[in-house]
Amino acid sequence: MKSWAWAAVGLLVGVGVMAAPACGDDSGTNTNATHSSNNSGGSGGSANPTNTGTSTLSGNPTSTTTGSNTGGHAPDCGDLFANLNTASIPDCEGCADTSCCDETSACNSTSDCFALFNCQGQCQDQPCVDACNTQFPNGVAPLDGWNMCLGTSCQAECGFSACPGNQIAYPPEAMQDDCNSCVDENCCSEMTALSSEGDINAAVDAFNACLGDPTDPVCTADPIAVTAAQCSNDNCADVCPGPICDSGYTIEPASCATCLGTNCCDPISACHDDATCNGCITGVTTGAACDNSALFQAAHTCQTDQCMTDCGG
């Protein structure tokens, strides 16, 4: 079972963040999120962003589709789109050329903006993203500007969410589209306010802390995160992962999380800090190591014995 965290998402490239999940074969989500630093992209969604929305652009230098312009000829907007895969959003380039030409040209293939975008595209965790930002500091502002422009002017064409001001979501590979959509539709103002905080990394950490344990000082120190998490819990508990007590894990549906938190908090919490048990839960480790892990067996047995109805098989 894989677990995913809420993360700030950028436009191109999203960075998938995997963390420790809950036990069994259900999909879990760790509450320690990261955020995508202003990349655009479709296969991920965590890193350090300050952009708006999540698009399906990919930073792989593969085929592209050239969009059309209303000006009668293609403007000189640089070669950024020549290095992106936009097959699933063929109208994005044309809209970017028309509405975000300056921002697009600022991220051409020889720029720090593009180098930052590609660097973050290789990341699987927040320290990597932070290292990219440190390596290419001059790329952060133009990448933010490009993402912001597309999120404002090319939302539909570039595959942004229904809530363009929200920069925080599960990455696509977490398979939490229903949750993301529900939060966008029901908590747009709350998530936009959270995404607009000065330090989006801290905002994401606070939001995840609130989802995992509303009494966590990291949560309570950020009233905007408290409000956003409460909105998510009030409106989307049936489609979003819920916290398992204060174990640091979440799992969907929320009824499963509630059952596990009530009945299995101790064995699941014990598993969180054990490398072998963690590996078994995430599916990284299988076979005899898991059979012989007392912690994993205790967590798995508790889920099976106590929460079969709420959590499934």
Protein backbone atom coordinates (compact mmCIF):
# COMPACT_ATOMS: atom_id res chain seq x y z
CA MET A 1 0.00 0.00 0.00
CA LYS A 2 1.27 3.43 -0.89
CA SER A 3 0.64 6.57 1.04
CA TRP A 4 0.64 10.13 -0.21
CA ALA A 5 0.65 13.55 1.38
CA TRP A 6 -1.17 16.72 0.54
CA ALA A 7 1.34 18.95 -1.15
CA ALA A 8 1.60 22.29 -2.75
CA VAL A 9 1.43 21.73 -6.44
CA GLY A 10 2.88 23.60 -9.32
CA LEU A 11 1.99 23.68 -12.91
CA LEU A 12 4.55 21.65 -14.74
CA VAL A 13 6.15 18.49 -13.52
CA GLY A 14 4.58 17.62 -10.16
CA VAL A 15 6.75 15.81 -7.73
CA GLY A 16 5.16 12.74 -6.21
CA VAL A 17 5.81 12.36 -2.52
CA MET A 18 5.58 8.90 -1.03
CA ALA A 19 5.48 8.41 2.69
CA ALA A 20 4.51 5.87 5.28
CA PRO A 21 0.93 4.63 4.91
CA ALA A 22 -1.52 2.80 7.02
CA CYS A 23 -1.62 -0.95 7.31
CA GLY A 24 -3.35 -3.49 5.14
CA ASP A 25 -4.00 -3.29 1.44
CA ASP A 26 -5.93 -0.04 1.55
CA SER A 27 -4.64 3.20 0.20
CA GLY A 28 -3.21 5.37 2.93
CA THR A 29 -1.81 8.84 3.12
CA ASN A 30 0.92 10.14 5.34
CA THR A 31 0.17 13.48 6.86
CA ASN A 32 3.66 14.85 6.30
CA ALA A 33 3.26 16.78 3.08
CA THR A 34 5.60 18.59 0.82
CA HIS A 35 4.88 20.97 -1.94
CA SER A 36 5.86 21.47 -5.47
CA SER A 37 7.91 24.49 -6.08
CA ASN A 38 6.02 26.12 -8.83
CA ASN A 39 6.40 23.51 -11.46
CA SER A 40 3.78 22.64 -13.90
CA GLY A 41 3.31 19.08 -14.55
CA GLY A 42 1.02 16.26 -14.46
CA SER A 43 2.63 13.32 -12.86
CA GLY A 44 3.23 14.75 -9.54
CA GLY A 45 2.04 17.26 -7.23
CA SER A 46 4.33 17.99 -4.40
CA ALA A 47 7.19 20.38 -4.12
CA ASN A 48 7.44 24.05 -3.34
CA PRO A 49 4.86 26.03 -5.21
CA THR A 50 3.52 29.48 -5.08
CA ASN A 51 1.59 29.10 -8.27
CA THR A 52 -2.01 28.39 -8.92
CA GLY A 53 -3.62 25.14 -9.84
CA THR A 54 -2.48 21.82 -11.10
CA SER A 55 -2.04 21.20 -14.79
CA THR A 56 -1.14 18.16 -16.80
CA LEU A 57 2.01 19.50 -18.41
CA SER A 58 5.03 17.26 -18.25
CA GLY A 59 8.65 18.25 -18.29
CA ASN A 60 9.76 15.33 -20.40
CA PRO A 61 11.37 16.48 -23.66
CA THR A 62 8.98 14.52 -25.85
CA SER A 63 6.39 15.43 -28.43
CA THR A 64 4.54 18.70 -28.25
CA THR A 65 1.53 20.21 -29.93
CA THR A 66 1.80 23.71 -31.28
CA GLY A 67 -1.14 25.92 -30.40
CA SER A 68 -2.60 28.65 -32.52
CA ASN A 69 -2.50 32.38 -31.92
CA THR A 70 -5.01 35.12 -32.54
CA GLY A 71 -2.36 37.54 -33.73
CA GLY A 72 -1.94 36.04 -37.20
CA HIS A 73 1.57 34.73 -36.61
CA ALA A 74 3.38 32.90 -33.84
CA PRO A 75 5.01 35.29 -31.38
CA ASP A 76 8.56 34.73 -30.23
CA CYS A 77 7.81 33.20 -26.85
CA GLY A 78 10.96 31.12 -26.52
CA ASP A 79 11.44 27.37 -26.79
CA LEU A 80 9.93 26.21 -23.49
CA PHE A 81 7.03 24.33 -25.06
CA ALA A 82 9.39 22.57 -27.47
CA ASN A 83 10.66 20.71 -24.40
CA LEU A 84 7.29 19.81 -22.87
CA ASN A 85 4.80 17.05 -23.50
CA THR A 86 1.43 18.73 -23.97
CA ALA A 87 -0.35 15.92 -25.81
CA SER A 88 -3.19 15.83 -23.28
CA ILE A 89 -3.67 19.62 -23.32
CA PRO A 90 -3.11 20.63 -26.98
CA ASP A 91 -4.52 24.14 -26.57
CA CYS A 92 -2.19 25.13 -23.75
CA GLU A 93 0.68 26.37 -25.88
CA GLY A 94 -1.56 28.55 -28.03
CA CYS A 95 -3.09 30.17 -24.98
CA ALA A 96 0.33 30.66 -23.40
CA ASP A 97 1.63 32.29 -26.57
CA THR A 98 -1.35 34.64 -26.62
CA SER A 99 -1.70 35.46 -22.94
CA CYS A 100 1.61 34.61 -21.22
CA CYS A 101 4.28 35.16 -23.85
CA ASP A 102 6.65 37.17 -21.67
CA GLU A 103 6.37 34.69 -18.81
CA THR A 104 6.89 31.74 -21.15
CA SER A 105 9.95 33.26 -22.81
CA ALA A 106 11.45 33.93 -19.36
CA CYS A 107 11.56 30.14 -18.90
CA ASN A 108 13.27 29.19 -22.16
CA SER A 109 15.52 26.14 -22.23
CA THR A 110 18.70 28.05 -21.31
CA SER A 111 17.18 29.80 -18.28
CA ASP A 112 17.47 29.07 -14.57
CA CYS A 113 13.67 28.85 -14.61
CA PHE A 114 13.78 25.85 -16.92
CA ALA A 115 16.72 24.34 -15.04
CA LEU A 116 14.73 24.63 -11.81
CA PHE A 117 11.69 23.08 -13.46
CA ASN A 118 13.73 20.08 -14.65
CA CYS A 119 15.57 19.76 -11.35
CA GLN A 120 12.34 19.60 -9.38
CA GLY A 121 10.94 17.12 -11.86
CA GLN A 122 13.49 14.58 -10.65
CA CYS A 123 12.58 14.98 -6.98
CA GLN A 124 10.69 12.58 -4.78
CA ASP A 125 10.77 14.54 -1.53
CA GLN A 126 10.86 18.04 -0.14
CA PRO A 127 14.60 18.16 0.70
CA CYS A 128 15.32 17.53 -2.96
CA VAL A 129 12.98 20.32 -4.00
CA ASP A 130 14.58 22.67 -1.49
CA ALA A 131 18.01 21.78 -2.85
CA CYS A 132 16.81 22.64 -6.38
CA ASN A 133 15.58 26.02 -5.17
CA THR A 134 18.96 26.65 -3.59
CA GLN A 135 20.79 25.55 -6.72
CA PHE A 136 18.69 27.73 -9.05
CA PRO A 137 17.44 30.65 -6.92
CA ASN A 138 17.06 32.91 -9.94
CA GLY A 139 14.55 30.50 -11.42
CA VAL A 140 12.02 30.63 -8.60
CA ALA A 141 10.39 33.99 -9.42
CA PRO A 142 10.02 33.46 -13.18
CA LEU A 143 8.67 29.94 -12.68
CA ASP A 144 6.15 31.33 -10.18
CA GLY A 145 5.22 34.05 -12.66
CA TRP A 146 4.71 31.62 -15.51
CA ASN A 147 2.57 29.31 -13.44
CA MET A 148 0.54 32.20 -12.08
CA CYS A 149 -0.12 33.55 -15.55
CA LEU A 150 -1.24 30.21 -16.95
CA GLY A 151 -3.36 29.56 -13.87
CA THR A 152 -5.07 32.91 -14.34
CA SER A 153 -5.31 33.20 -18.12
CA CYS A 154 -5.19 29.62 -19.41
CA GLN A 155 -6.92 27.63 -16.70
CA ALA A 156 -9.04 25.42 -18.97
CA GLU A 157 -6.52 25.16 -21.81
CA CYS A 158 -3.69 24.05 -19.52
CA GLY A 159 -5.71 21.67 -17.37
CA PHE A 160 -6.00 23.59 -14.12
CA SER A 161 -8.37 22.66 -11.36
CA ALA A 162 -11.75 24.25 -10.68
CA CYS A 163 -10.14 26.33 -7.94
CA PRO A 164 -7.20 28.12 -9.56
CA GLY A 165 -6.17 29.78 -6.31
CA ASN A 166 -5.59 26.45 -4.59
CA GLN A 167 -2.00 25.24 -4.82
CA ILE A 168 -2.39 22.30 -2.46
CA ALA A 169 -3.53 18.87 -3.61
CA TYR A 170 -2.70 15.20 -3.79
CA PRO A 171 -0.47 14.33 -6.76
CA PRO A 172 -2.20 12.48 -9.63
CA GLU A 173 -0.49 9.17 -8.91
CA ALA A 174 -2.01 9.19 -5.44
CA MET A 175 -5.33 8.51 -7.21
CA GLN A 176 -7.15 11.03 -5.05
CA ASP A 177 -8.90 12.90 -7.87
CA ASP A 178 -12.28 12.67 -6.15
CA CYS A 179 -10.82 14.15 -2.99
CA ASN A 180 -9.04 16.95 -4.85
CA SER A 181 -12.20 17.78 -6.78
CA CYS A 182 -14.34 17.76 -3.65
CA VAL A 183 -11.99 20.10 -1.80
CA ASP A 184 -11.75 22.44 -4.81
CA GLU A 185 -15.53 22.57 -5.14
CA ASN A 186 -16.39 22.93 -1.45
CA CYS A 187 -13.38 24.63 0.12
CA CYS A 188 -11.99 26.86 -2.62
CA SER A 189 -11.91 30.05 -0.57
CA GLU A 190 -10.35 28.28 2.41
CA MET A 191 -7.69 26.55 0.30
CA THR A 192 -6.96 29.71 -1.68
CA ALA A 193 -6.38 31.58 1.56
CA LEU A 194 -4.06 28.82 2.75
CA SER A 195 -2.19 28.78 -0.56
CA SER A 196 -1.70 32.54 -0.32
CA GLU A 197 0.24 32.40 2.94
CA GLY A 198 3.74 33.78 2.76
CA ASP A 199 5.45 30.43 3.35
CA ILE A 200 3.57 27.75 1.44
CA ASN A 201 5.79 25.01 2.82
CA ALA A 202 4.74 25.98 6.34
CA ALA A 203 1.12 26.23 5.20
CA VAL A 204 1.21 22.70 3.80
CA ASP A 205 2.85 21.38 6.97
CA ALA A 206 0.18 23.05 9.09
CA PHE A 207 -2.65 21.73 6.92
CA ASN A 208 -1.35 18.17 7.10
CA ALA A 209 -0.81 18.53 10.83
CA CYS A 210 -4.42 19.63 11.24
CA LEU A 211 -5.65 16.65 9.25
CA GLY A 212 -3.52 14.27 11.31
CA ASP A 213 -4.05 15.80 14.75
CA PRO A 214 -6.00 19.05 15.22
CA THR A 215 -4.29 19.59 18.58
CA ASP A 216 -0.80 19.53 17.08
CA PRO A 217 0.92 22.88 17.81
CA VAL A 218 1.98 23.08 14.15
CA CYS A 219 -1.72 23.06 13.30
CA THR A 220 -3.02 25.37 15.99
CA ALA A 221 -0.38 27.99 15.19
CA ASP A 222 -2.00 28.54 11.77
CA PRO A 223 -5.71 29.45 12.03
CA ILE A 224 -6.09 29.46 8.25
CA ALA A 225 -4.90 25.84 8.11
CA VAL A 226 -7.31 24.96 10.91
CA THR A 227 -10.20 26.40 8.91
CA ALA A 228 -9.14 24.70 5.67
CA ALA A 229 -8.74 21.30 7.31
CA GLN A 230 -12.09 21.63 9.06
CA CYS A 231 -13.76 22.45 5.74
CA SER A 232 -12.17 19.38 4.13
CA ASN A 233 -13.26 17.17 7.01
CA ASP A 234 -16.80 18.60 7.03
CA ASN A 235 -17.41 18.33 3.30
CA CYS A 236 -15.18 15.61 1.90
CA ALA A 237 -14.74 12.95 4.59
CA ASP A 238 -16.42 10.36 2.38
CA VAL A 239 -13.88 10.75 -0.43
CA CYS A 240 -10.74 12.03 1.32
CA PRO A 241 -8.35 10.18 3.62
CA GLY A 242 -8.87 10.78 7.32
CA PRO A 243 -6.34 10.85 10.18
CA ILE A 244 -5.67 7.71 12.20
CA CYS A 245 -5.51 9.12 15.75
CA ASP A 246 -2.19 10.95 16.16
CA SER A 247 -0.15 8.24 14.43
CA GLY A 248 0.96 10.47 11.57
CA TYR A 249 -1.07 8.44 9.07
CA THR A 250 -4.25 9.03 7.18
CA ILE A 251 -6.34 6.56 5.20
CA GLU A 252 -9.54 6.60 3.20
CA PRO A 253 -12.40 6.49 3.75
CA ALA A 254 -12.66 8.52 6.92
CA SER A 255 -14.76 5.80 8.54
CA CYS A 256 -11.78 3.45 8.25
CA ALA A 257 -9.49 6.05 9.79
CA THR A 258 -11.90 6.53 12.67
CA CYS A 259 -12.13 2.80 13.32
CA LEU A 260 -8.37 2.32 13.18
CA GLY A 261 -7.78 5.35 15.38
CA THR A 262 -10.21 4.03 17.96
CA ASN A 263 -9.09 0.42 17.95
CA CYS A 264 -5.57 0.23 16.54
CA CYS A 265 -3.84 3.49 17.35
CA ASP A 266 -1.02 1.95 19.38
CA PRO A 267 0.11 -0.77 16.93
CA ILE A 268 -0.15 1.56 13.93
CA SER A 269 1.74 4.33 15.70
CA ALA A 270 4.46 1.84 16.69
CA CYS A 271 4.81 0.82 13.04
CA HIS A 272 5.41 4.38 11.91
CA ASP A 273 8.95 4.61 13.27
CA ASP A 274 10.10 1.10 12.42
CA ALA A 275 11.84 0.78 9.06
CA THR A 276 10.80 -2.82 8.44
CA CYS A 277 7.19 -2.29 9.43
CA ASN A 278 7.04 0.88 7.41
CA GLY A 279 8.41 -0.96 4.40
CA CYS A 280 5.83 -3.71 4.76
CA ILE A 281 2.99 -1.22 5.00
CA THR A 282 4.11 0.72 1.94
CA GLY A 283 4.67 -2.42 -0.07
CA VAL A 284 8.38 -1.73 -0.47
CA THR A 285 9.15 -4.77 1.67
CA THR A 286 7.35 -8.09 1.20
CA GLY A 287 7.70 -11.75 2.06
CA ALA A 288 9.48 -13.19 5.05
CA ALA A 289 10.56 -9.84 6.47
CA CYS A 290 6.92 -8.84 6.85
CA ASP A 291 5.88 -12.28 8.06
CA ASN A 292 8.52 -12.00 10.77
CA SER A 293 7.83 -8.39 11.73
CA ALA A 294 5.90 -8.46 14.98
CA LEU A 295 4.99 -4.79 14.62
CA PHE A 296 3.59 -5.21 11.13
CA GLN A 297 1.67 -8.33 12.06
CA ALA A 298 0.19 -6.57 15.08
CA ALA A 299 -0.97 -3.61 13.01
CA HIS A 300 -2.32 -5.78 10.21
CA THR A 301 -4.08 -8.16 12.59
CA CYS A 302 -5.72 -5.30 14.43
CA GLN A 303 -7.05 -3.82 11.22
CA THR A 304 -8.34 -7.20 10.07
CA ASP A 305 -9.93 -8.09 13.41
CA GLN A 306 -11.36 -4.70 14.35
CA CYS A 307 -12.04 -2.74 11.16
CA MET A 308 -12.82 -5.18 8.36
CA THR A 309 -16.24 -3.63 7.75
CA ASP A 310 -15.04 -0.04 7.66
CA CYS A 311 -11.74 -0.64 5.86
CA GLY A 312 -12.57 -3.52 3.54
CA GLY A 313 -10.53 -6.65 3.06
